[in-house]
N, C-alpha and C. Protein backbone atom coordinates (compact mmCIF):
# COMPACT_ATOMS: atom_id res chain seq x y z
N MET A 1 -39.98 4.33 -2.54
CA MET A 1 -40.14 5.27 -3.74
C MET A 1 -40.72 4.46 -4.87
N ASN A 2 -41.77 4.99 -5.47
CA ASN A 2 -42.42 4.19 -6.60
C ASN A 2 -41.65 4.41 -7.90
N LYS A 3 -42.00 3.70 -8.94
CA LYS A 3 -41.32 3.70 -10.20
C LYS A 3 -41.36 5.08 -10.86
N LYS A 4 -42.50 5.75 -10.84
CA LYS A 4 -42.60 7.03 -11.45
C LYS A 4 -41.78 8.10 -10.81
N ALA A 5 -41.74 8.10 -9.50
CA ALA A 5 -40.90 9.02 -8.77
C ALA A 5 -39.42 8.74 -9.02
N MET A 6 -39.07 7.49 -9.04
CA MET A 6 -37.66 7.13 -9.38
C MET A 6 -37.30 7.61 -10.76
N ALA A 7 -38.18 7.36 -11.75
CA ALA A 7 -37.89 7.77 -13.10
C ALA A 7 -37.81 9.26 -13.26
N ALA A 8 -38.62 10.01 -12.51
CA ALA A 8 -38.58 11.44 -12.54
C ALA A 8 -37.25 11.95 -11.96
N ALA A 9 -36.84 11.31 -10.83
CA ALA A 9 -35.59 11.78 -10.20
C ALA A 9 -34.39 11.44 -11.15
N VAL A 10 -34.33 10.29 -11.74
CA VAL A 10 -33.23 9.97 -12.65
C VAL A 10 -33.24 10.88 -13.86
N SER A 11 -34.43 11.21 -14.38
CA SER A 11 -34.51 12.08 -15.52
C SER A 11 -34.00 13.54 -15.22
N MET A 12 -34.28 13.95 -14.02
CA MET A 12 -33.81 15.33 -13.65
C MET A 12 -32.27 15.31 -13.46
N ILE A 13 -31.75 14.23 -12.91
CA ILE A 13 -30.27 14.10 -12.73
C ILE A 13 -29.62 14.17 -14.12
N LEU A 14 -30.17 13.30 -15.00
CA LEU A 14 -29.54 13.20 -16.35
C LEU A 14 -29.71 14.50 -17.14
N ALA A 15 -30.82 15.17 -16.99
CA ALA A 15 -31.01 16.42 -17.72
C ALA A 15 -30.02 17.48 -17.18
N GLY A 16 -29.79 17.49 -15.88
CA GLY A 16 -28.77 18.44 -15.36
C GLY A 16 -27.37 18.12 -15.83
N GLY A 17 -27.04 16.89 -15.95
CA GLY A 17 -25.73 16.49 -16.43
C GLY A 17 -25.58 16.80 -17.91
N ALA A 18 -26.63 16.70 -18.70
CA ALA A 18 -26.58 17.00 -20.12
C ALA A 18 -26.37 18.49 -20.30
N HIS A 19 -26.92 19.29 -19.45
CA HIS A 19 -26.78 20.75 -19.63
C HIS A 19 -25.33 21.16 -19.29
N ALA A 20 -24.73 20.54 -18.21
CA ALA A 20 -23.36 20.81 -17.88
C ALA A 20 -22.42 20.40 -18.96
N ALA A 21 -22.73 19.27 -19.60
CA ALA A 21 -21.83 18.74 -20.66
C ALA A 21 -21.75 19.60 -21.86
N GLN A 22 -22.77 20.42 -22.12
CA GLN A 22 -22.80 21.32 -23.35
C GLN A 22 -21.84 22.47 -23.16
N GLN A 23 -21.55 22.88 -21.94
CA GLN A 23 -20.68 24.02 -21.72
C GLN A 23 -19.24 23.76 -22.11
N GLU A 24 -18.70 22.59 -21.62
CA GLU A 24 -17.35 22.27 -21.96
C GLU A 24 -17.22 20.70 -22.04
N ARG A 25 -16.80 20.23 -23.17
CA ARG A 25 -16.66 18.80 -23.37
C ARG A 25 -15.26 18.36 -23.28
N PRO A 26 -14.93 17.51 -22.27
CA PRO A 26 -13.54 17.02 -22.18
C PRO A 26 -13.21 16.02 -23.26
N ASN A 27 -11.92 15.90 -23.58
CA ASN A 27 -11.45 14.96 -24.55
C ASN A 27 -11.22 13.59 -23.86
N VAL A 28 -12.14 12.68 -24.06
CA VAL A 28 -12.07 11.43 -23.40
C VAL A 28 -12.13 10.29 -24.49
N ILE A 29 -11.23 9.34 -24.34
CA ILE A 29 -11.22 8.19 -25.26
C ILE A 29 -11.46 6.98 -24.39
N VAL A 30 -12.44 6.14 -24.74
CA VAL A 30 -12.70 4.98 -24.03
C VAL A 30 -12.35 3.77 -24.96
N ILE A 31 -11.44 2.90 -24.55
CA ILE A 31 -11.06 1.78 -25.28
C ILE A 31 -11.54 0.54 -24.54
N ILE A 32 -12.33 -0.30 -25.22
CA ILE A 32 -12.84 -1.52 -24.55
C ILE A 32 -12.20 -2.67 -25.30
N ALA A 33 -11.42 -3.52 -24.51
CA ALA A 33 -10.77 -4.66 -25.11
C ALA A 33 -10.86 -5.83 -23.99
N ASP A 34 -11.21 -7.00 -24.52
CA ASP A 34 -11.30 -8.13 -23.63
C ASP A 34 -9.89 -8.71 -23.41
N ASP A 35 -9.51 -8.95 -22.23
CA ASP A 35 -8.25 -9.58 -21.82
C ASP A 35 -7.05 -8.78 -22.30
N MET A 36 -7.09 -7.50 -22.12
CA MET A 36 -5.96 -6.59 -22.56
C MET A 36 -5.52 -5.78 -21.36
N GLY A 37 -4.28 -5.77 -21.08
CA GLY A 37 -3.72 -4.94 -20.03
C GLY A 37 -2.94 -3.81 -20.61
N TYR A 38 -2.53 -2.83 -19.78
CA TYR A 38 -1.77 -1.70 -20.28
C TYR A 38 -0.45 -2.02 -20.89
N SER A 39 0.15 -3.18 -20.50
CA SER A 39 1.44 -3.55 -21.05
C SER A 39 1.27 -4.42 -22.30
N ASP A 40 0.10 -4.56 -22.85
CA ASP A 40 -0.05 -5.39 -24.05
C ASP A 40 0.15 -4.60 -25.33
N ILE A 41 0.12 -3.28 -25.30
CA ILE A 41 0.34 -2.47 -26.49
C ILE A 41 1.78 -2.02 -26.58
N SER A 42 2.28 -1.72 -27.79
CA SER A 42 3.73 -1.46 -27.97
C SER A 42 4.26 -0.32 -27.17
N PRO A 43 3.57 0.82 -26.91
CA PRO A 43 4.27 1.85 -26.15
C PRO A 43 4.74 1.44 -24.73
N PHE A 44 4.12 0.37 -24.20
CA PHE A 44 4.42 -0.06 -22.90
C PHE A 44 5.07 -1.41 -22.82
N GLY A 45 5.80 -1.77 -23.95
CA GLY A 45 6.52 -3.03 -23.98
C GLY A 45 5.81 -4.20 -24.54
N GLY A 46 4.67 -4.10 -25.08
CA GLY A 46 3.92 -5.18 -25.63
C GLY A 46 4.25 -5.39 -27.10
N GLU A 47 3.59 -6.41 -27.70
CA GLU A 47 3.88 -6.74 -29.10
C GLU A 47 2.81 -6.29 -30.05
N ILE A 48 1.73 -5.66 -29.64
CA ILE A 48 0.71 -5.21 -30.57
C ILE A 48 1.12 -3.84 -31.10
N PRO A 49 1.28 -3.64 -32.43
CA PRO A 49 1.82 -2.41 -32.97
C PRO A 49 0.76 -1.43 -33.49
N PRO A 50 -0.22 -0.90 -32.72
CA PRO A 50 -1.17 0.08 -33.30
C PRO A 50 -0.41 1.45 -33.44
N PRO A 51 -0.39 2.01 -34.61
CA PRO A 51 0.40 3.26 -34.86
C PRO A 51 -0.12 4.45 -34.00
N THR A 52 -1.47 4.56 -33.92
CA THR A 52 -2.02 5.68 -33.15
C THR A 52 -1.67 5.59 -31.65
N CYS A 53 -1.71 4.42 -31.11
CA CYS A 53 -1.42 4.20 -29.68
C CYS A 53 0.10 4.52 -29.38
N ARG A 54 0.92 4.47 -30.36
CA ARG A 54 2.31 4.78 -30.16
C ARG A 54 2.50 6.25 -29.86
N ARG A 55 1.66 7.10 -30.47
CA ARG A 55 1.77 8.55 -30.32
C ARG A 55 1.20 9.04 -29.05
N TRP A 56 0.24 8.36 -28.44
CA TRP A 56 -0.49 8.82 -27.30
C TRP A 56 0.46 9.13 -26.06
N PRO A 57 1.35 8.26 -25.68
CA PRO A 57 2.17 8.54 -24.48
C PRO A 57 3.11 9.74 -24.63
N SER A 58 3.53 9.98 -25.90
CA SER A 58 4.41 11.08 -26.15
C SER A 58 3.78 12.41 -26.38
N ARG A 59 2.53 12.44 -26.90
CA ARG A 59 1.87 13.70 -27.20
C ARG A 59 0.65 14.03 -26.29
N GLU A 60 -0.28 13.17 -26.31
CA GLU A 60 -1.58 13.54 -25.73
C GLU A 60 -1.69 13.30 -24.19
N CYS A 61 -1.25 12.15 -23.74
CA CYS A 61 -1.58 11.83 -22.36
C CYS A 61 -0.35 11.34 -21.58
N ALA A 62 0.76 11.91 -21.76
CA ALA A 62 1.96 11.49 -21.01
C ALA A 62 1.95 11.96 -19.57
């Protein structure tokens, strides 16, 4: 498959995904941290005290 055909196929796939995303947008939070595990923050027994992260397990995503 040549580069133009591949670019066209990828563009069509992305355009279809963008249309579907406009109908209903899920609530997704992406946290990127280097060398951090789930047990490093305070709600899960860690020592890092971020106040917003303390509320997540009890309210939003328990």
